[in-house]
Amino acid sequence: MTLDDIRRLNIREAGNWPLLPKIMILGVLLFLILLAGAFFDWRDQFEALDKAQDEEIKLREAYASKKAKAVNLDLYVQQLKEIEQSFGALLKQLPNKSEMDALLTDINQAGLGRGLQFELFRPATQERMADFYAELPISVRITGNYHDMGAFASDVAQLPRIVTLNDVGIVNDKGTLIMEATAKTFRYLDEEEVAKQRKSAKDAKDKGKK
């Protein structure tokens, strides 16, 4: 059947058309019906399917992540115990309020025991508060020889409590060495002080959000 034969077909006589044109017309109609169905009905279903597939991917990723954590749970628990033990050991090196005076005496005695003379030993009037500890700077000025000062610094480092020497400066005054430094020691906060620090941090955070 040629193209001219198809052009001569009368739509009113469609029932008498040859088989091929009928199949072609039915095919076009079926395509149009499918296209209309996809546009008016199936489109929402396709979108829902895409969302479901995306959600499936996310769930699979979440499952894989949780599975990996579950497999390594024992390792994580062991690491947490080790961290807690290390933290506890460090915390024991911090004195509490009642032990601070004894620690200051230990620092002073460390210098005197090496034959050094304290011209200044002045703890700050106010501590610097952190999350779970307080820092106390102590301004010191001592005189003596180089060897004794080195031994004093070593003795301070070996104290059972944490003490650091900062901003160290040494000058030679006619053969006598003068060392000025800031010794810093730390103490852990009691439960009441920790609660107060947390409240202050929370209040500051809430204020920043406003």
N, C-alpha and C. Protein backbone atom coordinates (compact mmCIF):
# COMPACT_ATOMS: atom_id res chain seq x y z
N MET A 1 0.87 -1.19 0.00
CA MET A 1 0.00 0.00 0.00
C MET A 1 0.89 1.23 0.00
N THR A 2 0.61 2.11 -0.99
CA THR A 2 1.45 3.29 -1.15
C THR A 2 0.93 4.44 -0.31
N LEU A 3 1.77 5.52 -0.25
CA LEU A 3 1.38 6.72 0.49
C LEU A 3 0.17 7.37 -0.15
N ASP A 4 0.08 7.34 -1.48
CA ASP A 4 -1.10 7.92 -2.15
C ASP A 4 -2.36 7.17 -1.78
N ASP A 5 -2.27 5.85 -1.63
CA ASP A 5 -3.43 5.06 -1.23
C ASP A 5 -3.90 5.47 0.16
N ILE A 6 -2.94 5.72 1.06
CA ILE A 6 -3.31 6.13 2.42
C ILE A 6 -3.98 7.49 2.41
N ARG A 7 -3.49 8.42 1.56
CA ARG A 7 -4.08 9.76 1.50
C ARG A 7 -5.53 9.71 0.99
N ARG A 8 -5.82 8.71 0.13
CA ARG A 8 -7.17 8.64 -0.45
C ARG A 8 -8.18 7.96 0.49
N LEU A 9 -7.72 7.50 1.60
CA LEU A 9 -8.64 6.85 2.55
C LEU A 9 -9.60 7.87 3.14
N ASN A 10 -10.87 7.49 3.26
CA ASN A 10 -11.92 8.35 3.81
C ASN A 10 -12.18 7.90 5.25
N ILE A 11 -12.09 8.84 6.17
CA ILE A 11 -12.27 8.52 7.58
C ILE A 11 -13.66 7.96 7.85
N ARG A 12 -14.64 8.40 7.00
CA ARG A 12 -16.02 7.92 7.21
C ARG A 12 -16.16 6.44 6.80
N GLU A 13 -15.23 5.94 6.05
CA GLU A 13 -15.28 4.55 5.60
C GLU A 13 -14.17 3.74 6.29
N ALA A 14 -13.87 4.11 7.51
CA ALA A 14 -12.77 3.47 8.23
C ALA A 14 -13.00 1.98 8.42
N GLY A 15 -14.30 1.60 8.47
CA GLY A 15 -14.59 0.18 8.66
C GLY A 15 -14.18 -0.66 7.47
N ASN A 16 -14.07 -0.03 6.30
CA ASN A 16 -13.71 -0.76 5.09
C ASN A 16 -12.23 -0.62 4.72
N TRP A 17 -11.49 0.02 5.58
CA TRP A 17 -10.06 0.22 5.29
C TRP A 17 -9.33 -1.13 5.30
N PRO A 18 -8.23 -1.20 4.59
CA PRO A 18 -7.38 -2.39 4.66
C PRO A 18 -6.80 -2.55 6.08
N LEU A 19 -6.24 -3.70 6.36
CA LEU A 19 -5.75 -4.02 7.71
C LEU A 19 -4.59 -3.11 8.15
N LEU A 20 -3.67 -2.84 7.28
CA LEU A 20 -2.49 -2.05 7.66
C LEU A 20 -2.85 -0.65 8.16
N PRO A 21 -3.69 0.12 7.44
CA PRO A 21 -4.06 1.43 7.96
C PRO A 21 -4.79 1.35 9.30
N LYS A 22 -5.62 0.32 9.45
CA LYS A 22 -6.32 0.17 10.73
C LYS A 22 -5.31 -0.03 11.88
N ILE A 23 -4.32 -0.89 11.63
CA ILE A 23 -3.30 -1.14 12.67
C ILE A 23 -2.54 0.14 12.99
N MET A 24 -2.22 0.91 11.96
CA MET A 24 -1.48 2.16 12.18
C MET A 24 -2.30 3.15 13.00
N ILE A 25 -3.59 3.29 12.66
CA ILE A 25 -4.44 4.22 13.40
C ILE A 25 -4.59 3.78 14.84
N LEU A 26 -4.80 2.46 15.04
CA LEU A 26 -4.93 1.95 16.40
C LEU A 26 -3.63 2.15 17.19
N GLY A 27 -2.51 2.01 16.50
CA GLY A 27 -1.23 2.24 17.17
C GLY A 27 -1.07 3.68 17.60
N VAL A 28 -1.46 4.61 16.73
CA VAL A 28 -1.38 6.05 17.08
C VAL A 28 -2.30 6.36 18.24
N LEU A 29 -3.53 5.82 18.20
CA LEU A 29 -4.48 6.07 19.29
C LEU A 29 -3.97 5.51 20.62
N LEU A 30 -3.40 4.30 20.56
CA LEU A 30 -2.86 3.70 21.77
C LEU A 30 -1.72 4.53 22.34
N PHE A 31 -0.85 5.03 21.47
CA PHE A 31 0.26 5.88 21.92
C PHE A 31 -0.25 7.15 22.59
N LEU A 32 -1.28 7.78 21.97
CA LEU A 32 -1.85 9.00 22.54
C LEU A 32 -2.49 8.73 23.90
N ILE A 33 -3.17 7.57 24.01
CA ILE A 33 -3.79 7.23 25.30
C ILE A 33 -2.73 7.03 26.38
N LEU A 34 -1.66 6.32 26.02
CA LEU A 34 -0.58 6.10 26.98
C LEU A 34 0.09 7.42 27.38
N LEU A 35 0.28 8.29 26.39
CA LEU A 35 0.90 9.58 26.66
C LEU A 35 0.04 10.42 27.60
N ALA A 36 -1.30 10.42 27.33
CA ALA A 36 -2.21 11.18 28.19
C ALA A 36 -2.25 10.59 29.59
N GLY A 37 -2.23 9.25 29.68
CA GLY A 37 -2.23 8.61 31.00
C GLY A 37 -0.98 8.94 31.79
N ALA A 38 0.15 8.94 31.10
CA ALA A 38 1.40 9.26 31.77
C ALA A 38 1.41 10.69 32.28
N PHE A 39 0.82 11.58 31.48
CA PHE A 39 0.83 13.00 31.85
C PHE A 39 -0.14 13.29 32.98
N PHE A 40 -1.35 12.74 32.90
CA PHE A 40 -2.39 13.07 33.88
C PHE A 40 -2.41 12.16 35.10
N ASP A 41 -1.90 10.96 35.00
CA ASP A 41 -2.02 10.03 36.13
C ASP A 41 -0.68 9.44 36.55
N TRP A 42 0.07 8.91 35.62
CA TRP A 42 1.28 8.21 35.98
C TRP A 42 2.41 9.13 36.42
N ARG A 43 2.33 10.40 36.06
CA ARG A 43 3.42 11.31 36.42
C ARG A 43 3.62 11.35 37.93
N ASP A 44 2.50 11.47 38.70
CA ASP A 44 2.60 11.50 40.16
C ASP A 44 3.18 10.19 40.69
N GLN A 45 2.79 9.08 40.03
CA GLN A 45 3.30 7.79 40.47
C GLN A 45 4.80 7.67 40.20
N PHE A 46 5.22 8.20 39.04
CA PHE A 46 6.65 8.19 38.73
C PHE A 46 7.43 9.02 39.75
N GLU A 47 6.89 10.20 40.13
CA GLU A 47 7.55 11.05 41.12
C GLU A 47 7.63 10.35 42.47
N ALA A 48 6.50 9.68 42.83
CA ALA A 48 6.50 8.93 44.09
C ALA A 48 7.53 7.81 44.06
N LEU A 49 7.65 7.16 42.90
CA LEU A 49 8.64 6.09 42.75
C LEU A 49 10.06 6.62 42.89
N ASP A 50 10.32 7.78 42.27
CA ASP A 50 11.66 8.38 42.38
C ASP A 50 11.98 8.72 43.83
N LYS A 51 10.99 9.27 44.56
CA LYS A 51 11.21 9.61 45.97
C LYS A 51 11.47 8.35 46.78
N ALA A 52 10.70 7.29 46.48
CA ALA A 52 10.90 6.04 47.21
C ALA A 52 12.28 5.46 46.94
N GLN A 53 12.75 5.59 45.71
CA GLN A 53 14.08 5.08 45.38
C GLN A 53 15.17 5.89 46.08
N ASP A 54 14.97 7.22 46.12
CA ASP A 54 15.93 8.06 46.85
C ASP A 54 15.95 7.71 48.33
N GLU A 55 14.76 7.50 48.90
CA GLU A 55 14.66 7.14 50.31
C GLU A 55 15.31 5.79 50.57
N GLU A 56 15.16 4.87 49.63
CA GLU A 56 15.78 3.56 49.77
C GLU A 56 17.30 3.68 49.81
N ILE A 57 17.84 4.55 48.95
CA ILE A 57 19.30 4.75 48.93
C ILE A 57 19.78 5.30 50.27
N LYS A 58 19.03 6.29 50.81
CA LYS A 58 19.41 6.89 52.10
C LYS A 58 19.34 5.86 53.22
N LEU A 59 18.28 5.03 53.19
CA LEU A 59 18.13 4.01 54.23
C LEU A 59 19.25 2.98 54.14
N ARG A 60 19.63 2.63 52.92
CA ARG A 60 20.73 1.68 52.75
C ARG A 60 22.04 2.25 53.30
N GLU A 61 22.27 3.54 53.02
CA GLU A 61 23.49 4.18 53.52
C GLU A 61 23.48 4.24 55.05
N ALA A 62 22.30 4.60 55.63
CA ALA A 62 22.19 4.66 57.08
C ALA A 62 22.41 3.27 57.70
N TYR A 63 21.85 2.27 57.04
CA TYR A 63 22.02 0.89 57.53
C TYR A 63 23.49 0.48 57.49
N ALA A 64 24.16 0.80 56.40
CA ALA A 64 25.57 0.44 56.27
C ALA A 64 26.41 1.14 57.34
N SER A 65 26.07 2.43 57.61
CA SER A 65 26.81 3.18 58.63
C SER A 65 26.60 2.58 60.02
N LYS A 66 25.34 2.27 60.33
CA LYS A 66 25.03 1.71 61.65
C LYS A 66 25.62 0.31 61.80
N LYS A 67 25.62 -0.43 60.70
CA LYS A 67 26.19 -1.78 60.74
C LYS A 67 27.69 -1.71 61.04
N ALA A 68 28.36 -0.73 60.39
CA ALA A 68 29.80 -0.58 60.62
C ALA A 68 30.08 -0.21 62.08
N LYS A 69 29.23 0.66 62.65
CA LYS A 69 29.40 1.05 64.05
C LYS A 69 29.14 -0.14 64.97
N ALA A 70 28.12 -0.93 64.62
CA ALA A 70 27.79 -2.09 65.45
C ALA A 70 28.93 -3.10 65.43
N VAL A 71 29.54 -3.28 64.27
CA VAL A 71 30.65 -4.23 64.15
C VAL A 71 31.83 -3.78 65.03
N ASN A 72 32.04 -2.45 65.10
CA ASN A 72 33.17 -1.90 65.86
C ASN A 72 32.77 -1.44 67.26
N LEU A 73 31.59 -1.84 67.73
CA LEU A 73 31.10 -1.35 69.02
C LEU A 73 32.04 -1.71 70.16
N ASP A 74 32.50 -2.95 70.19
CA ASP A 74 33.40 -3.38 71.26
C ASP A 74 34.68 -2.54 71.27
N LEU A 75 35.18 -2.23 70.07
CA LEU A 75 36.39 -1.41 69.98
C LEU A 75 36.13 -0.01 70.52
N TYR A 76 34.97 0.57 70.15
CA TYR A 76 34.62 1.90 70.64
C TYR A 76 34.48 1.92 72.17
N VAL A 77 33.85 0.88 72.71
CA VAL A 77 33.68 0.80 74.17
C VAL A 77 35.05 0.72 74.86
N GLN A 78 35.96 -0.06 74.29
CA GLN A 78 37.29 -0.18 74.87
C GLN A 78 38.04 1.15 74.81
N GLN A 79 37.92 1.84 73.66
CA GLN A 79 38.59 3.13 73.52
C GLN A 79 38.02 4.14 74.52
N LEU A 80 36.70 4.10 74.72
CA LEU A 80 36.08 5.01 75.68
C LEU A 80 36.59 4.74 77.09
N LYS A 81 36.74 3.48 77.45
CA LYS A 81 37.26 3.14 78.77
C LYS A 81 38.68 3.67 78.94
N GLU A 82 39.50 3.52 77.89
CA GLU A 82 40.88 3.99 77.96
C GLU A 82 40.94 5.51 78.11
N ILE A 83 40.04 6.20 77.38
CA ILE A 83 39.99 7.66 77.48
C ILE A 83 39.58 8.08 78.89
N GLU A 84 38.58 7.39 79.44
CA GLU A 84 38.12 7.72 80.79
C GLU A 84 39.22 7.48 81.82
N GLN A 85 39.99 6.40 81.63
CA GLN A 85 41.09 6.12 82.56
C GLN A 85 42.17 7.19 82.47
N SER A 86 42.50 7.58 81.22
CA SER A 86 43.52 8.62 81.03
C SER A 86 43.05 9.94 81.62
N PHE A 87 41.78 10.26 81.38
CA PHE A 87 41.23 11.51 81.91
C PHE A 87 41.25 11.49 83.44
N GLY A 88 40.88 10.33 84.01
CA GLY A 88 40.89 10.22 85.46
C GLY A 88 42.29 10.40 86.03
N ALA A 89 43.29 9.84 85.34
CA ALA A 89 44.66 9.98 85.80
C ALA A 89 45.12 11.44 85.76
N LEU A 90 44.75 12.14 84.69
CA LEU A 90 45.09 13.56 84.59
C LEU A 90 44.36 14.38 85.65
N LEU A 91 43.10 14.02 85.88
CA LEU A 91 42.30 14.77 86.85
C LEU A 91 42.90 14.66 88.25
N LYS A 92 43.48 13.48 88.55
CA LYS A 92 44.08 13.29 89.86
C LYS A 92 45.30 14.18 90.07
N GLN A 93 45.86 14.69 88.96
CA GLN A 93 47.01 15.58 89.08
C GLN A 93 46.59 17.02 89.37
N LEU A 94 45.28 17.26 89.38
CA LEU A 94 44.79 18.59 89.70
C LEU A 94 44.31 18.62 91.14
N PRO A 95 44.78 19.56 91.94
CA PRO A 95 44.32 19.63 93.34
C PRO A 95 42.92 20.20 93.41
N ASN A 96 42.29 20.03 94.56
CA ASN A 96 41.02 20.70 94.79
C ASN A 96 41.28 21.99 95.56
N LYS A 97 40.23 22.65 95.96
CA LYS A 97 40.38 23.94 96.65
C LYS A 97 41.25 23.82 97.89
N SER A 98 40.98 22.80 98.68
CA SER A 98 41.67 22.67 99.96
C SER A 98 43.15 22.34 99.80
N GLU A 99 43.55 21.83 98.64
CA GLU A 99 44.94 21.43 98.42
C GLU A 99 45.78 22.52 97.76
N MET A 100 45.14 23.62 97.36
CA MET A 100 45.86 24.66 96.63
C MET A 100 46.95 25.31 97.48
N ASP A 101 46.65 25.58 98.73
CA ASP A 101 47.64 26.23 99.60
C ASP A 101 48.88 25.36 99.76
N ALA A 102 48.65 24.04 99.89
CA ALA A 102 49.78 23.11 100.03
C ALA A 102 50.61 23.10 98.75
N LEU A 103 49.96 23.19 97.60
CA LEU A 103 50.68 23.19 96.33
C LEU A 103 51.52 24.46 96.19
N LEU A 104 50.98 25.59 96.59
CA LEU A 104 51.74 26.84 96.54
C LEU A 104 52.98 26.75 97.44
N THR A 105 52.80 26.11 98.58
CA THR A 105 53.93 25.92 99.49
C THR A 105 54.99 25.02 98.85
N ASP A 106 54.54 23.97 98.12
CA ASP A 106 55.48 23.06 97.45
C ASP A 106 56.31 23.81 96.40
N ILE A 107 55.66 24.70 95.65
CA ILE A 107 56.39 25.47 94.64
C ILE A 107 57.43 26.37 95.30
N ASN A 108 57.02 27.01 96.39
CA ASN A 108 57.94 27.90 97.11
C ASN A 108 59.12 27.11 97.68
N GLN A 109 58.82 25.96 98.25
CA GLN A 109 59.88 25.14 98.85
C GLN A 109 60.82 24.58 97.79
N ALA A 110 60.29 24.32 96.58
CA ALA A 110 61.15 23.83 95.49
C ALA A 110 62.24 24.85 95.18
N GLY A 111 61.90 26.13 95.24
CA GLY A 111 62.90 27.17 94.99
C GLY A 111 63.86 27.33 96.15
N LEU A 112 63.32 27.39 97.36
CA LEU A 112 64.16 27.56 98.55
C LEU A 112 65.10 26.37 98.73
N GLY A 113 64.60 25.18 98.37
CA GLY A 113 65.43 23.99 98.52
C GLY A 113 66.63 23.99 97.59
N ARG A 114 66.56 24.79 96.53
CA ARG A 114 67.70 24.92 95.61
C ARG A 114 68.55 26.15 95.90
N GLY A 115 68.28 26.78 97.03
CA GLY A 115 69.09 27.94 97.42
C GLY A 115 68.72 29.22 96.69
N LEU A 116 67.55 29.26 96.06
CA LEU A 116 67.11 30.46 95.35
C LEU A 116 66.39 31.41 96.31
N GLN A 117 66.46 32.69 96.00
CA GLN A 117 65.79 33.70 96.81
C GLN A 117 64.57 34.23 96.05
N PHE A 118 63.41 34.18 96.69
CA PHE A 118 62.20 34.72 96.08
C PHE A 118 62.07 36.19 96.40
N GLU A 119 62.17 37.01 95.39
CA GLU A 119 61.89 38.44 95.57
C GLU A 119 60.41 38.72 95.34
N LEU A 120 59.73 37.80 94.62
CA LEU A 120 58.30 37.97 94.37
C LEU A 120 57.67 36.58 94.23
N PHE A 121 56.58 36.40 94.94
CA PHE A 121 55.78 35.18 94.81
C PHE A 121 54.33 35.60 95.05
N ARG A 122 53.64 35.95 93.95
CA ARG A 122 52.33 36.58 94.09
C ARG A 122 51.28 35.83 93.25
N PRO A 123 50.47 35.00 93.90
CA PRO A 123 49.35 34.37 93.17
C PRO A 123 48.35 35.42 92.73
N ALA A 124 47.73 35.21 91.59
CA ALA A 124 46.71 36.13 91.09
C ALA A 124 45.53 36.15 92.05
N THR A 125 44.86 37.28 92.10
CA THR A 125 43.71 37.42 93.00
C THR A 125 42.47 36.71 92.45
N GLN A 126 42.48 36.40 91.15
CA GLN A 126 41.31 35.76 90.55
C GLN A 126 41.75 34.62 89.62
N GLU A 127 41.10 33.49 89.75
CA GLU A 127 41.38 32.35 88.89
C GLU A 127 40.70 32.52 87.54
N ARG A 128 41.27 31.84 86.53
CA ARG A 128 40.62 31.79 85.22
C ARG A 128 39.86 30.48 85.13
N MET A 129 38.53 30.59 85.03
CA MET A 129 37.68 29.41 85.06
C MET A 129 37.51 28.81 83.67
N ALA A 130 37.58 27.48 83.60
CA ALA A 130 37.31 26.74 82.36
C ALA A 130 36.16 25.78 82.63
N ASP A 131 35.97 24.80 81.74
CA ASP A 131 34.82 23.90 81.87
C ASP A 131 34.86 23.09 83.16
N PHE A 132 36.00 22.46 83.44
CA PHE A 132 36.07 21.59 84.62
C PHE A 132 37.28 21.88 85.49
N TYR A 133 38.02 22.93 85.18
CA TYR A 133 39.18 23.27 86.00
C TYR A 133 39.33 24.79 86.09
N ALA A 134 40.15 25.20 87.05
CA ALA A 134 40.47 26.62 87.21
C ALA A 134 41.99 26.77 87.12
N GLU A 135 42.41 27.85 86.51
CA GLU A 135 43.84 28.12 86.33
C GLU A 135 44.24 29.29 87.22
N LEU A 136 45.34 29.10 87.98
CA LEU A 136 45.84 30.15 88.87
C LEU A 136 47.25 30.56 88.45
N PRO A 137 47.42 31.76 87.90
CA PRO A 137 48.78 32.25 87.57
C PRO A 137 49.47 32.79 88.83
N ILE A 138 50.77 32.57 88.90
CA ILE A 138 51.57 33.05 90.03
C ILE A 138 52.77 33.79 89.46
N SER A 139 52.89 35.06 89.76
CA SER A 139 54.04 35.85 89.31
C SER A 139 55.20 35.60 90.26
N VAL A 140 56.35 35.21 89.69
CA VAL A 140 57.52 34.93 90.54
C VAL A 140 58.72 35.68 90.00
N ARG A 141 59.59 36.07 90.94
CA ARG A 141 60.89 36.65 90.59
C ARG A 141 61.88 36.06 91.57
N ILE A 142 62.89 35.34 91.05
CA ILE A 142 63.84 34.67 91.92
C ILE A 142 65.25 35.00 91.47
N THR A 143 66.17 34.93 92.41
CA THR A 143 67.58 35.19 92.11
C THR A 143 68.40 33.97 92.50
N GLY A 144 69.49 33.76 91.78
CA GLY A 144 70.36 32.62 92.06
C GLY A 144 71.25 32.37 90.87
N ASN A 145 71.87 31.21 90.83
CA ASN A 145 72.74 30.89 89.70
C ASN A 145 71.99 30.05 88.68
N TYR A 146 72.61 29.91 87.53
CA TYR A 146 71.95 29.23 86.40
C TYR A 146 71.64 27.78 86.73
N HIS A 147 72.59 27.10 87.36
CA HIS A 147 72.41 25.67 87.67
C HIS A 147 71.23 25.48 88.62
N ASP A 148 71.11 26.30 89.64
CA ASP A 148 70.02 26.16 90.62
C ASP A 148 68.66 26.47 89.98
N MET A 149 68.67 27.44 89.08
CA MET A 149 67.40 27.76 88.41
C MET A 149 66.95 26.60 87.52
N GLY A 150 67.92 25.98 86.84
CA GLY A 150 67.57 24.83 86.02
C GLY A 150 67.04 23.69 86.87
N ALA A 151 67.67 23.48 88.04
CA ALA A 151 67.22 22.41 88.94
C ALA A 151 65.83 22.73 89.48
N PHE A 152 65.57 24.01 89.76
CA PHE A 152 64.24 24.42 90.24
C PHE A 152 63.17 24.13 89.19
N ALA A 153 63.46 24.46 87.94
CA ALA A 153 62.49 24.19 86.86
C ALA A 153 62.23 22.70 86.74
N SER A 154 63.28 21.87 86.91
CA SER A 154 63.11 20.43 86.85
C SER A 154 62.27 19.93 88.02
N ASP A 155 62.52 20.49 89.21
CA ASP A 155 61.75 20.08 90.39
C ASP A 155 60.27 20.43 90.23
N VAL A 156 59.99 21.58 89.67
CA VAL A 156 58.61 22.00 89.47
C VAL A 156 57.92 21.05 88.49
N ALA A 157 58.64 20.65 87.44
CA ALA A 157 58.06 19.75 86.45
C ALA A 157 57.76 18.38 87.04
N GLN A 158 58.49 17.99 88.11
CA GLN A 158 58.31 16.67 88.70
C GLN A 158 57.36 16.67 89.89
N LEU A 159 56.77 17.80 90.19
CA LEU A 159 55.78 17.83 91.28
C LEU A 159 54.61 16.91 90.93
N PRO A 160 53.99 16.29 91.93
CA PRO A 160 52.87 15.39 91.65
C PRO A 160 51.66 16.12 91.07
N ARG A 161 51.61 17.44 91.22
CA ARG A 161 50.53 18.24 90.64
C ARG A 161 51.05 18.98 89.42
N ILE A 162 50.13 19.34 88.53
CA ILE A 162 50.52 20.01 87.29
C ILE A 162 50.86 21.46 87.57
N VAL A 163 52.10 21.83 87.25
CA VAL A 163 52.57 23.22 87.36
C VAL A 163 53.41 23.50 86.12
N THR A 164 53.17 24.63 85.47
CA THR A 164 53.95 25.00 84.29
C THR A 164 54.59 26.36 84.52
N LEU A 165 55.76 26.55 83.92
CA LEU A 165 56.45 27.85 83.96
C LEU A 165 56.31 28.50 82.59
N ASN A 166 55.79 29.73 82.58
CA ASN A 166 55.51 30.43 81.33
C ASN A 166 56.13 31.82 81.35
N ASP A 167 56.35 32.35 80.14
CA ASP A 167 56.87 33.72 79.99
C ASP A 167 58.16 33.90 80.80
N VAL A 168 59.05 32.94 80.67
CA VAL A 168 60.29 32.98 81.46
C VAL A 168 61.26 33.98 80.85
N GLY A 169 61.81 34.82 81.71
CA GLY A 169 62.83 35.77 81.29
C GLY A 169 63.96 35.80 82.32
N ILE A 170 65.22 35.73 81.85
CA ILE A 170 66.37 35.72 82.77
C ILE A 170 67.33 36.84 82.37
N VAL A 171 67.74 37.60 83.36
CA VAL A 171 68.73 38.67 83.13
C VAL A 171 69.89 38.47 84.10
N ASN A 172 71.04 38.95 83.68
CA ASN A 172 72.25 38.85 84.50
C ASN A 172 72.53 40.21 85.11
N ASP A 173 72.47 40.25 86.43
CA ASP A 173 72.72 41.52 87.14
C ASP A 173 74.01 41.37 87.93
N LYS A 174 75.12 41.76 87.29
CA LYS A 174 76.44 41.73 87.93
C LYS A 174 76.77 40.34 88.47
N GLY A 175 76.50 39.34 87.64
CA GLY A 175 76.85 37.98 88.02
C GLY A 175 75.73 37.23 88.72
N THR A 176 74.69 37.93 89.11
CA THR A 176 73.54 37.28 89.75
C THR A 176 72.41 37.20 88.74
N LEU A 177 71.89 36.01 88.58
CA LEU A 177 70.80 35.82 87.63
C LEU A 177 69.46 36.12 88.30
N ILE A 178 68.62 36.82 87.55
CA ILE A 178 67.27 37.12 88.02
C ILE A 178 66.28 36.52 87.01
N MET A 179 65.44 35.65 87.49
CA MET A 179 64.45 35.04 86.61
C MET A 179 63.05 35.53 86.97
N GLU A 180 62.35 36.00 85.98
CA GLU A 180 60.96 36.36 86.15
C GLU A 180 60.12 35.41 85.29
N ALA A 181 59.05 34.91 85.86
CA ALA A 181 58.21 33.95 85.15
C ALA A 181 56.80 33.97 85.73
N THR A 182 55.93 33.32 85.01
CA THR A 182 54.57 33.11 85.50
C THR A 182 54.37 31.61 85.66
N ALA A 183 54.26 31.19 86.90
CA ALA A 183 53.97 29.78 87.15
C ALA A 183 52.45 29.60 87.14
N LYS A 184 52.00 28.60 86.46
CA LYS A 184 50.56 28.35 86.39
C LYS A 184 50.27 26.98 86.97
N THR A 185 49.32 26.96 87.88
CA THR A 185 48.87 25.70 88.42
C THR A 185 47.36 25.61 88.24
N PHE A 186 46.85 24.43 88.38
CA PHE A 186 45.46 24.19 88.04
C PHE A 186 44.80 23.36 89.14
N ARG A 187 43.50 23.55 89.28
CA ARG A 187 42.73 22.72 90.20
C ARG A 187 41.42 22.35 89.52
N TYR A 188 40.87 21.22 89.92
CA TYR A 188 39.59 20.84 89.33
C TYR A 188 38.45 21.48 90.10
N LEU A 189 37.37 21.74 89.41
CA LEU A 189 36.22 22.39 90.02
C LEU A 189 35.36 21.35 90.73
N ASP A 190 34.74 21.77 91.84
CA ASP A 190 33.80 20.86 92.50
C ASP A 190 32.48 20.86 91.73
N GLU A 191 31.56 20.01 92.13
CA GLU A 191 30.32 19.83 91.39
C GLU A 191 29.52 21.13 91.29
N GLU A 192 29.51 21.89 92.35
CA GLU A 192 28.77 23.15 92.34
C GLU A 192 29.37 24.13 91.34
N GLU A 193 30.70 24.19 91.28
CA GLU A 193 31.37 25.10 90.35
C GLU A 193 31.18 24.65 88.91
N VAL A 194 31.21 23.32 88.67
CA VAL A 194 30.99 22.81 87.33
C VAL A 194 29.59 23.16 86.85
N ALA A 195 28.59 22.98 87.74
CA ALA A 195 27.21 23.31 87.39
C ALA A 195 27.08 24.80 87.07
N LYS A 196 27.77 25.63 87.82
CA LYS A 196 27.73 27.07 87.59
C LYS A 196 28.35 27.43 86.25
N GLN A 197 29.49 26.78 85.91
CA GLN A 197 30.14 27.02 84.63
C GLN A 197 29.24 26.61 83.47
N ARG A 198 28.60 25.47 83.59
CA ARG A 198 27.71 25.01 82.52
C ARG A 198 26.52 25.95 82.36
N LYS A 199 25.99 26.43 83.46
CA LYS A 199 24.87 27.37 83.39
C LYS A 199 25.30 28.66 82.72
N SER A 200 26.49 29.15 83.07
CA SER A 200 26.99 30.39 82.46
C SER A 200 27.19 30.21 80.96
N ALA A 201 27.74 29.05 80.56
CA ALA A 201 27.95 28.78 79.13
C ALA A 201 26.62 28.68 78.40
N LYS A 202 25.63 28.04 79.01
CA LYS A 202 24.31 27.91 78.40
C LYS A 202 23.64 29.27 78.26
N ASP A 203 23.74 30.10 79.31
CA ASP A 203 23.14 31.44 79.27
C ASP A 203 23.78 32.28 78.18
N ALA A 204 25.11 32.17 78.05
CA ALA A 204 25.80 32.94 77.02
C ALA A 204 25.40 32.46 75.64
N LYS A 205 25.21 31.14 75.47
CA LYS A 205 24.80 30.59 74.17
C LYS A 205 23.38 31.04 73.82
N ASP A 206 22.48 31.00 74.82
CA ASP A 206 21.10 31.42 74.59
C ASP A 206 21.04 32.92 74.27
N LYS A 207 21.88 33.69 74.92
CA LYS A 207 21.91 35.12 74.67
C LYS A 207 22.41 35.42 73.27
N GLY A 208 23.38 34.61 72.79
CA GLY A 208 23.90 34.80 71.43
C GLY A 208 22.90 34.48 70.36
N LYS A 209 21.92 33.60 70.66
CA LYS A 209 20.92 33.24 69.68
C LYS A 209 19.86 34.33 69.50
N LYS A 210 19.71 35.18 70.52
CA LYS A 210 18.67 36.22 70.47
C LYS A 210 19.09 37.37 69.55
